[in-house]
Amino acid sequence: MPDTPLLPPDHPDRAILAAEVHARPPEPLQAPSRATYVAVRIDGEARAAEMDHIVALCRRSGVAPPAAGVTQWAGHLPTDRGPVRFKWERHGEFSSYTFFTAGLSGQPFAEPVVGLLPPGWLAGVPGQTVFAAHAKLALADMLCDGPGGTPSAAQLAAHFGANVVVGAGIGDGAGLAFTDFSIHADGFARFLLLDREMTERQAGRMLQRLFEIEAYRMMALLALPVARGLWPRLLAIERTLAALTERIAAGANAGPGQDEQLLQDLMALAAEIESALSASQARFGASRAYHALVTTRIGELREVRIRGLQTIDEFMTRRLSPAMATCATASQRLHDLSERVAQASNLLSTRVDIARERQNQALLAATARRAKMQLRLQQTVEGLSVAAIVYYLAGLVGYGAKALKAAGLPISPDLVTGVAVPVLALGAWLALQRAHRRIAADDGEASRSFH
């Protein structure tokens, strides 16, 4: 007997959604080791070429390639100088490539992991580089003077040169992280991660967060050139709107033709603002999302201050926040301008409608006067028509009376005609009134049906 199911049928996306919380797990790392991270912005059309490029590397290395449709993959690539752990992740707008290998080079950052890859493979990745960095994970005892110590200025200068170094304890002091947030001559930034008492997974999480902080920061800053490019356009739009508003205020008694021209100018300005909104809001929205991720990742580092150094949180607050404020201001100004143009358009449209209503009232009044004159003329014509009808009918009655007299009846045709005239006139008038009442009744029924 088949087992009775315990649950209703699964939602089609249940398994995918349940696996999402386990997506992009960090690689466990053991000191000493090296890593290289590259974030490449890629268009949707190049996704297939990206996968083909990864598959080609896997086949060249004799490794099973990622399955079709996956958004992340990790595997070991054998090389002449030891295995390289390759991790690929596909994000919304970019893809990340991370390479790990055990051991350190003789000189800090002198032999990056990507130097073990086939020549030209990394440069052939489809897309544009947004962020790239080398990282070095070493035991804290190698660079620090005693337990709980920190590297000296000379030791940090050996890794970062004369650049200003930012650093802090991470993981509540379980490790140390240092960087200069600069692109060095080889095109890569640098991270130095020192292990005091981190577990392998903790070390992997901390390094992944450091990489993601910079990748998301760069993606957030993609909106800054858009915002800066909008400033001249925003100023021109504001000046144009101010001039149109002054013309609206000064032309309170202007004719409808001038108001309609002003309304067309406002519509053209509104179209320009909507064009700027549609071209920038997606980028500004993505920037806000990336900035939120940067803030979240920094909080997850759980920094502990090192005397004499800025923490990563302080550096980002002072350097990234103003740029994000610039983007937010440009976005808000666009929305404010859109609302102001809409308000001015509504006011002017109301004024145009009132002017048109006055014209319509004047036209209706003139039409009413003409209708009244036509009614009077019609009544005059109806009176003449009654006289003509009576005259015609009286003639018929006279002919009939003469015929009767000729037949031998003792009647006077003139007398009969004279007596018939008032009767005929009353009958014609009553018939005319009845026709008027029927027309009025039909008009009233049609009006009720319309409403």
Protein backbone atom coordinates (compact mmCIF):
# COMPACT_ATOMS: atom_id res chain seq x y z
CA MET A 1 0.00 0.00 0.00
CA PRO A 2 1.57 3.33 -0.99
CA ASP A 3 2.55 5.73 1.78
CA THR A 4 0.02 8.43 2.52
CA PRO A 5 1.51 11.91 1.86
CA LEU A 6 1.89 14.05 4.94
CA LEU A 7 1.81 17.44 3.18
CA PRO A 8 -0.18 19.14 0.44
CA PRO A 9 1.55 19.43 -2.96
CA ASP A 10 4.70 21.56 -2.97
CA HIS A 11 4.70 25.07 -4.36
CA PRO A 12 6.58 25.00 -7.70
CA ASP A 13 9.34 27.23 -6.28
CA ARG A 14 9.55 25.70 -2.81
CA ALA A 15 12.87 23.89 -3.33
CA ILE A 16 14.45 26.87 -5.07
CA LEU A 17 13.38 29.29 -2.36
CA ALA A 18 14.51 26.97 0.42
CA ALA A 19 17.94 26.63 -1.21
CA GLU A 20 18.27 30.42 -1.63
CA VAL A 21 19.30 30.90 2.03
CA HIS A 22 22.22 28.56 1.39
CA ALA A 23 23.30 30.28 -1.82
CA ARG A 24 26.82 31.69 -2.21
CA PRO A 25 28.38 30.04 0.85
CA PRO A 26 31.85 31.32 1.79
CA GLU A 27 34.89 29.19 1.07
CA PRO A 28 36.61 27.89 4.24
CA LEU A 29 40.15 29.30 4.36
CA GLN A 30 43.18 28.30 6.36
CA ALA A 31 46.12 30.63 6.87
CA PRO A 32 48.39 31.10 5.09
CA SER A 33 46.63 31.47 1.73
CA ARG A 34 46.05 33.90 -1.14
CA ALA A 35 42.94 34.95 -3.03
CA THR A 36 42.00 37.09 -6.01
CA TYR A 37 38.55 38.52 -6.57
CA VAL A 38 37.24 40.10 -9.79
CA ALA A 39 33.77 41.63 -10.26
CA VAL A 40 32.77 42.02 -13.92
CA ARG A 41 29.69 43.92 -15.04
CA ILE A 42 28.05 42.01 -17.84
CA ASP A 43 25.01 42.55 -20.04
CA GLY A 44 22.33 39.92 -20.35
CA GLU A 45 23.25 39.27 -23.99
CA ALA A 46 26.77 38.20 -22.95
CA ARG A 47 25.66 35.64 -20.35
CA ALA A 48 25.95 32.77 -22.80
CA ALA A 49 29.46 33.86 -23.81
CA GLU A 50 30.40 34.06 -20.13
CA MET A 51 29.32 30.48 -19.53
CA ASP A 52 31.15 29.31 -22.66
CA HIS A 53 34.31 30.99 -21.36
CA ILE A 54 34.07 29.19 -18.01
CA VAL A 55 33.29 25.86 -19.68
CA ALA A 56 36.36 26.25 -21.91
CA LEU A 57 38.59 26.72 -18.83
CA CYS A 58 37.08 23.68 -17.10
CA ARG A 59 37.58 21.47 -20.14
CA ARG A 60 41.12 22.70 -20.54
CA SER A 61 41.79 21.82 -16.90
CA GLY A 62 39.95 18.49 -17.08
CA VAL A 63 37.27 19.58 -14.62
CA ALA A 64 33.53 18.99 -14.93
CA PRO A 65 31.98 22.31 -16.04
CA PRO A 66 28.98 23.95 -14.34
CA ALA A 67 25.56 22.68 -15.29
CA ALA A 68 23.38 24.72 -17.62
CA GLY A 69 21.26 27.35 -15.89
CA VAL A 70 23.20 27.53 -12.61
CA THR A 71 24.08 30.89 -11.08
CA GLN A 72 27.03 29.75 -8.98
CA TRP A 73 29.72 27.12 -9.23
CA ALA A 74 32.98 26.14 -7.52
CA GLY A 75 35.67 23.65 -8.42
CA HIS A 76 39.39 22.87 -8.19
CA LEU A 77 41.62 23.68 -11.16
CA PRO A 78 44.89 21.72 -11.24
CA THR A 79 48.01 23.76 -12.13
CA ASP A 80 51.75 23.12 -12.22
CA ARG A 81 52.16 24.99 -8.91
CA GLY A 82 49.30 23.46 -7.00
CA PRO A 83 45.51 23.44 -7.20
CA VAL A 84 43.46 26.63 -7.50
CA ARG A 85 39.99 26.82 -6.05
CA PHE A 86 37.76 28.65 -8.54
CA LYS A 87 34.43 30.11 -7.41
CA TRP A 88 32.03 31.83 -9.82
CA GLU A 89 28.83 33.64 -8.86
CA ARG A 90 26.29 35.41 -11.05
CA HIS A 91 24.64 38.47 -9.49
CA GLY A 92 21.98 40.76 -10.91
CA GLU A 93 24.23 43.13 -12.87
CA PHE A 94 27.65 41.57 -12.48
CA SER A 95 29.48 38.30 -12.03
CA SER A 96 32.22 37.60 -9.51
CA TYR A 97 35.25 35.37 -10.00
CA THR A 98 37.24 34.32 -6.93
CA PHE A 99 40.41 32.24 -6.95
CA PHE A 100 42.08 30.71 -3.87
CA THR A 101 45.34 28.89 -3.33
CA ALA A 102 47.26 27.86 -0.25
CA GLY A 103 50.57 29.42 0.80
CA LEU A 104 52.09 32.87 0.41
CA SER A 105 54.54 34.41 -2.02
CA GLY A 106 57.98 35.63 -1.14
CA GLN A 107 56.95 39.27 -1.52
CA PRO A 108 53.55 40.65 -0.47
CA PHE A 109 51.13 40.43 -3.40
CA ALA A 110 54.02 39.65 -5.77
CA GLU A 111 52.59 36.38 -7.08
CA PRO A 112 48.80 36.65 -7.35
CA VAL A 113 46.63 33.59 -7.69
CA VAL A 114 45.47 34.58 -11.18
CA GLY A 115 49.06 34.18 -12.31
CA LEU A 116 48.43 30.43 -12.13
CA LEU A 117 45.58 30.59 -14.67
CA PRO A 118 46.12 30.02 -18.39
CA PRO A 119 47.56 33.19 -19.95
CA GLY A 120 44.89 35.55 -21.24
CA TRP A 121 41.94 33.65 -19.81
CA LEU A 122 40.98 36.24 -17.18
CA ALA A 123 41.42 39.13 -19.63
CA GLY A 124 39.06 37.33 -22.02
CA VAL A 125 36.16 37.22 -19.57
CA PRO A 126 33.14 38.96 -21.21
CA GLY A 127 32.13 42.26 -19.63
CA GLN A 128 33.85 45.17 -17.91
CA THR A 129 35.84 45.05 -14.68
CA VAL A 130 34.17 46.92 -11.86
CA PHE A 131 36.39 45.79 -9.01
CA ALA A 132 39.44 43.55 -8.64
CA ALA A 133 41.52 42.78 -5.56
CA HIS A 134 44.24 40.51 -4.24
CA ALA A 135 43.98 39.26 -0.67
CA LYS A 136 46.52 37.73 1.64
CA LEU A 137 45.47 35.64 4.64
CA ALA A 138 48.29 35.13 7.13
CA LEU A 139 48.68 34.21 10.76
CA ALA A 140 48.72 37.27 12.99
CA ASP A 141 51.89 36.06 14.72
CA MET A 142 53.81 36.51 11.46
CA LEU A 143 53.30 40.30 11.39
CA CYS A 144 52.27 41.26 14.93
CA ASP A 145 54.46 41.69 17.94
CA GLY A 146 53.06 39.20 20.41
CA PRO A 147 49.48 38.06 21.04
CA GLY A 148 46.97 40.86 20.66
CA GLY A 149 49.45 43.08 18.82
CA THR A 150 49.04 44.84 15.49
CA PRO A 151 51.38 45.24 12.51
CA SER A 152 53.76 48.16 12.59
CA ALA A 153 53.59 51.05 10.14
CA ALA A 154 56.62 49.65 8.30
CA GLN A 155 54.99 46.24 7.91
CA LEU A 156 51.81 47.82 6.55
CA ALA A 157 53.87 50.02 4.18
CA ALA A 158 55.47 46.86 2.79
CA HIS A 159 52.01 45.76 1.67
CA PHE A 160 50.36 49.07 0.76
CA GLY A 161 53.22 51.43 0.02
CA ALA A 162 52.78 55.06 1.03
CA ASN A 163 48.97 54.92 0.86
CA VAL A 164 46.85 55.65 3.91
CA VAL A 165 45.80 52.35 5.43
CA VAL A 166 42.36 51.65 6.89
CA GLY A 167 41.95 48.75 9.26
CA ALA A 168 40.32 47.28 12.33
CA GLY A 169 39.87 44.16 14.32
CA ILE A 170 37.11 41.99 12.82
CA GLY A 171 34.94 39.24 14.21
CA ASP A 172 35.08 40.93 17.63
CA GLY A 173 38.87 40.78 17.54
CA ALA A 174 39.29 37.24 16.16
CA GLY A 175 41.15 38.69 13.20
CA LEU A 176 42.55 41.88 11.67
CA ALA A 177 41.76 43.41 8.29
CA PHE A 178 43.67 46.14 6.46
CA THR A 179 43.28 47.84 3.08
CA ASP A 180 44.03 51.16 1.42
CA PHE A 181 40.98 51.21 -0.91
CA SER A 182 43.30 52.04 -3.80
CA ILE A 183 43.91 50.53 -7.21
CA HIS A 184 47.60 49.65 -7.49
CA ALA A 185 49.77 49.58 -10.57
CA ASP A 186 48.65 46.06 -11.49
CA GLY A 187 44.99 47.17 -11.55
CA PHE A 188 44.06 45.39 -8.30
CA ALA A 189 43.20 46.62 -4.82
CA ARG A 190 44.73 44.87 -1.81
CA PHE A 191 43.45 43.30 1.39
CA LEU A 192 45.54 41.97 4.25
CA LEU A 193 43.67 39.62 6.58
CA LEU A 194 45.43 38.39 9.73
CA ASP A 195 44.13 35.39 11.62
CA ARG A 196 44.28 35.50 15.41
CA GLU A 197 41.77 32.84 16.33
CA MET A 198 39.33 32.61 13.44
CA THR A 199 37.88 29.32 12.30
CA GLU A 200 38.30 28.37 8.66
CA ARG A 201 34.70 29.24 7.83
CA GLN A 202 34.91 32.51 9.75
CA ALA A 203 38.03 33.47 7.81
CA GLY A 204 36.22 32.66 4.57
CA ARG A 205 33.18 34.73 5.59
CA MET A 206 35.29 37.73 6.59
CA LEU A 207 37.24 37.71 3.34
CA GLN A 208 34.06 37.34 1.30
CA ARG A 209 32.54 40.31 3.14
CA LEU A 210 35.59 42.44 2.47
CA PHE A 211 35.41 41.61 -1.24
CA GLU A 212 31.67 42.24 -1.36
CA ILE A 213 31.97 45.58 0.45
CA GLU A 214 34.17 46.91 -2.32
CA ALA A 215 32.21 45.28 -5.15
CA TYR A 216 28.92 46.66 -3.88
CA ARG A 217 30.51 50.05 -3.18
CA MET A 218 31.67 50.30 -6.79
CA MET A 219 28.28 49.21 -8.09
CA ALA A 220 26.61 51.81 -5.85
CA LEU A 221 28.92 54.51 -7.17
CA LEU A 222 27.89 53.82 -10.78
CA ALA A 223 25.02 56.22 -10.10
CA LEU A 224 27.38 59.08 -9.23
CA PRO A 225 28.35 59.96 -12.84
CA VAL A 226 24.64 59.85 -13.72
CA ALA A 227 23.86 62.28 -10.88
CA ARG A 228 26.69 64.62 -11.84
CA GLY A 229 25.59 64.56 -15.45
CA LEU A 230 22.05 65.50 -14.38
CA TRP A 231 23.04 68.65 -12.45
CA PRO A 232 23.34 70.99 -15.49
CA ARG A 233 20.12 69.59 -16.92
CA LEU A 234 18.33 70.02 -13.58
CA LEU A 235 19.48 73.64 -13.31
CA ALA A 236 18.27 74.38 -16.85
CA ILE A 237 14.90 72.75 -16.15
CA GLU A 238 14.50 74.71 -12.91
CA ARG A 239 15.26 78.01 -14.68
CA THR A 240 12.78 77.19 -17.44
CA LEU A 241 10.12 76.22 -14.92
CA ALA A 242 10.69 79.43 -12.95
CA ALA A 243 10.29 81.51 -16.13
CA LEU A 244 7.11 79.68 -17.10
CA THR A 245 5.69 80.12 -13.61
CA GLU A 246 6.36 83.88 -13.77
CA ARG A 247 4.60 84.03 -17.14
CA ILE A 248 1.64 82.17 -15.67
CA ALA A 249 1.44 84.62 -12.75
CA ALA A 250 1.89 87.68 -14.98
CA GLY A 251 -0.65 86.48 -17.54
CA ALA A 252 -3.62 86.08 -15.18
CA ASN A 253 -5.73 88.13 -17.59
CA ALA A 254 -4.13 86.77 -20.74
CA GLY A 255 -6.17 85.38 -23.54
CA PRO A 256 -6.82 81.67 -23.92
CA GLY A 257 -4.39 81.50 -26.84
CA GLN A 258 -1.47 82.59 -24.61
CA ASP A 259 -2.49 80.21 -21.84
CA GLU A 260 -2.67 77.30 -24.25
CA GLN A 261 0.86 78.11 -25.48
CA LEU A 262 2.07 78.17 -21.87
CA LEU A 263 0.38 74.83 -21.31
CA GLN A 264 2.16 73.34 -24.32
CA ASP A 265 5.50 74.65 -22.98
CA LEU A 266 4.78 73.02 -19.62
CA MET A 267 3.92 69.73 -21.31
CA ALA A 268 7.23 69.83 -23.19
CA LEU A 269 9.06 70.46 -19.90
CA ALA A 270 7.17 67.61 -18.23
CA ALA A 271 8.20 65.28 -21.07
CA GLU A 272 11.85 66.26 -20.59
CA ILE A 273 11.64 65.55 -16.86
CA GLU A 274 9.98 62.18 -17.44
CA SER A 275 12.72 61.33 -19.92
CA ALA A 276 15.37 62.12 -17.29
CA LEU A 277 13.46 60.08 -14.70
CA SER A 278 13.14 57.04 -16.93
CA ALA A 279 16.84 57.21 -17.84
CA SER A 280 18.12 57.52 -14.24
CA GLN A 281 15.71 56.03 -11.72
CA ALA A 282 16.70 52.42 -12.33
CA ARG A 283 20.34 53.31 -11.70
CA PHE A 284 19.48 55.36 -8.60
CA GLY A 285 17.31 52.55 -7.24
CA ALA A 286 20.09 50.01 -7.75
CA SER A 287 22.52 52.39 -6.07
CA ARG A 288 20.36 52.57 -2.96
CA ALA A 289 20.14 48.78 -2.84
CA TYR A 290 23.92 48.34 -3.21
CA HIS A 291 24.57 50.98 -0.56
CA ALA A 292 22.31 49.10 1.84
CA LEU A 293 24.31 45.93 1.15
CA VAL A 294 27.58 47.77 1.84
CA THR A 295 26.22 48.95 5.18
CA THR A 296 25.03 45.45 6.04
CA ARG A 297 28.35 43.82 5.16
CA ILE A 298 30.31 46.37 7.20
CA GLY A 299 28.10 45.68 10.20
CA GLU A 300 28.74 41.94 9.80
CA LEU A 301 32.49 42.54 10.19
CA ARG A 302 31.92 43.48 13.86
CA GLU A 303 34.88 45.87 13.83
CA VAL A 304 37.10 46.65 16.80
CA ARG A 305 39.05 49.91 16.59
CA ILE A 306 42.83 49.86 16.21
CA ARG A 307 44.44 52.93 17.66
CA GLY A 308 45.64 55.34 14.99
CA LEU A 309 43.65 53.81 12.12
CA GLN A 310 40.28 54.56 10.63
CA THR A 311 37.85 51.68 10.68
CA ILE A 312 36.23 50.57 7.43
CA ASP A 313 32.91 51.87 8.74
CA GLU A 314 34.37 55.34 9.39
CA PHE A 315 36.04 55.43 5.99
CA MET A 316 32.83 54.51 4.19
CA THR A 317 30.79 56.97 6.23
CA ARG A 318 33.09 59.83 5.29
CA ARG A 319 33.76 58.87 1.67
CA LEU A 320 30.77 56.90 0.37
CA SER A 321 27.89 58.58 2.17
CA PRO A 322 28.40 62.02 0.50
CA ALA A 323 28.37 60.38 -2.93
CA MET A 324 25.17 58.52 -2.08
CA ALA A 325 23.67 61.77 -0.77
CA THR A 326 24.48 63.41 -4.12
CA CYS A 327 22.66 60.63 -5.97
CA ALA A 328 19.70 60.80 -3.59
CA THR A 329 19.50 64.59 -4.00
CA ALA A 330 19.53 64.38 -7.80
CA SER A 331 16.81 61.74 -7.73
CA GLN A 332 14.69 63.76 -5.30
CA ARG A 333 15.10 66.95 -7.31
CA LEU A 334 13.82 65.18 -10.39
CA HIS A 335 10.74 63.97 -8.52
CA ASP A 336 10.19 67.45 -7.02
CA LEU A 337 10.44 69.06 -10.45
CA SER A 338 7.94 66.55 -11.81
CA GLU A 339 5.49 67.44 -9.05
CA ARG A 340 6.01 71.19 -9.51
CA VAL A 341 5.41 70.95 -13.25
CA ALA A 342 2.29 68.89 -12.61
CA GLN A 343 0.98 71.50 -10.15
CA ALA A 344 1.69 74.38 -12.55
CA SER A 345 0.03 72.43 -15.37
CA ASN A 346 -3.05 71.79 -13.23
CA LEU A 347 -3.35 75.46 -12.29
CA LEU A 348 -2.95 76.60 -15.88
CA SER A 349 -5.32 73.91 -17.13
CA THR A 350 -7.91 75.14 -14.63
CA ARG A 351 -7.49 78.70 -15.88
CA VAL A 352 -7.80 77.58 -19.50
CA ASP A 353 -10.90 75.56 -18.62
CA ILE A 354 -12.49 78.57 -16.90
CA ALA A 355 -11.77 80.77 -19.93
CA ARG A 356 -13.27 78.15 -22.21
CA GLU A 357 -16.27 77.86 -19.93
CA ARG A 358 -16.84 81.60 -20.19
CA GLN A 359 -16.62 81.39 -23.97
CA ASN A 360 -19.07 78.52 -23.95
CA GLN A 361 -21.46 80.48 -21.73
CA ALA A 362 -21.29 83.48 -24.06
CA LEU A 363 -21.86 81.21 -27.03
CA LEU A 364 -24.83 79.55 -25.31
CA ALA A 365 -26.29 82.96 -24.45
CA ALA A 366 -26.00 84.07 -28.07
CA THR A 367 -27.55 80.80 -29.18
CA ALA A 368 -30.40 81.30 -26.72
CA ARG A 369 -31.05 84.79 -28.06
CA ARG A 370 -31.12 83.50 -31.61
CA ALA A 371 -33.45 80.68 -30.60
CA LYS A 372 -35.79 83.17 -28.91
CA MET A 373 -35.88 85.32 -32.01
CA GLN A 374 -36.53 82.24 -34.12
CA LEU A 375 -39.37 81.27 -31.76
CA ARG A 376 -41.00 84.66 -32.11
CA LEU A 377 -40.64 84.49 -35.86
CA GLN A 378 -42.10 81.00 -35.80
CA GLN A 379 -45.05 82.18 -33.73
CA THR A 380 -45.66 85.00 -36.21
CA VAL A 381 -45.52 82.54 -39.06
CA GLU A 382 -47.90 80.22 -37.20
CA GLY A 383 -50.37 83.07 -36.80
CA LEU A 384 -50.22 83.78 -40.48
CA SER A 385 -50.55 80.07 -41.16
CA VAL A 386 -53.76 79.94 -39.08
CA ALA A 387 -55.18 82.86 -41.07
CA ALA A 388 -54.28 81.16 -44.33
CA ILE A 389 -55.81 77.87 -43.20
CA VAL A 390 -59.02 79.60 -42.07
CA TYR A 391 -59.19 81.52 -45.33
CA TYR A 392 -58.76 78.32 -47.31
CA LEU A 393 -61.30 76.36 -45.28
CA ALA A 394 -63.78 79.25 -45.37
CA GLY A 395 -63.53 79.23 -49.17
CA LEU A 396 -64.35 75.52 -49.16
CA VAL A 397 -67.31 76.10 -46.88
CA GLY A 398 -68.52 78.93 -49.16
CA TYR A 399 -68.32 76.68 -52.20
CA GLY A 400 -70.30 74.03 -50.37
CA ALA A 401 -72.96 76.52 -49.31
CA LYS A 402 -73.36 77.81 -52.86
CA ALA A 403 -73.75 74.25 -54.07
CA LEU A 404 -76.46 73.60 -51.50
CA LYS A 405 -78.31 76.82 -52.46
CA ALA A 406 -78.14 75.83 -56.14
CA ALA A 407 -79.68 72.50 -55.12
CA GLY A 408 -82.72 74.40 -53.84
CA LEU A 409 -81.94 74.80 -50.12
CA PRO A 410 -83.00 78.18 -48.73
CA ILE A 411 -79.58 79.23 -47.30
CA SER A 412 -77.37 82.25 -47.67
CA PRO A 413 -73.78 81.25 -48.69
CA ASP A 414 -72.37 84.48 -47.28
CA LEU A 415 -74.04 83.91 -43.93
CA VAL A 416 -72.83 80.31 -43.72
CA THR A 417 -69.28 81.38 -44.59
CA GLY A 418 -69.34 84.16 -42.01
CA VAL A 419 -70.57 81.84 -39.27
CA ALA A 420 -67.94 79.17 -40.16
CA VAL A 421 -64.96 81.54 -39.97
CA PRO A 422 -64.74 81.80 -36.12
CA VAL A 423 -65.37 78.06 -35.75
CA LEU A 424 -62.64 77.26 -38.23
CA ALA A 425 -60.24 79.73 -36.57
CA LEU A 426 -60.86 78.14 -33.12
CA GLY A 427 -60.35 74.64 -34.54
CA ALA A 428 -57.08 75.61 -36.23
CA TRP A 429 -55.81 77.26 -33.05
CA LEU A 430 -56.67 74.20 -30.90
CA ALA A 431 -54.96 71.89 -33.37
CA LEU A 432 -51.85 74.05 -33.23
CA GLN A 433 -51.81 74.01 -29.40
CA ARG A 434 -52.21 70.23 -29.35
CA ALA A 435 -49.22 69.89 -31.67
CA HIS A 436 -47.17 72.13 -29.33
CA ARG A 437 -48.08 69.98 -26.30
CA ARG A 438 -47.14 66.77 -28.10
CA ILE A 439 -43.74 68.20 -29.12
CA ALA A 440 -43.08 69.38 -25.53
CA ALA A 441 -44.02 65.92 -24.15
CA ASP A 442 -41.67 64.20 -26.60
CA ASP A 443 -38.81 66.56 -25.65
CA GLY A 444 -39.34 65.91 -21.91
CA GLU A 445 -39.31 62.12 -22.40
CA ALA A 446 -36.10 62.34 -24.47
CA SER A 447 -34.47 64.49 -21.77
CA ARG A 448 -35.36 61.99 -19.01
CA SER A 449 -34.02 59.11 -21.09
CA PHE A 450 -30.72 60.97 -21.61
CA HIS A 451 -30.20 61.64 -17.88
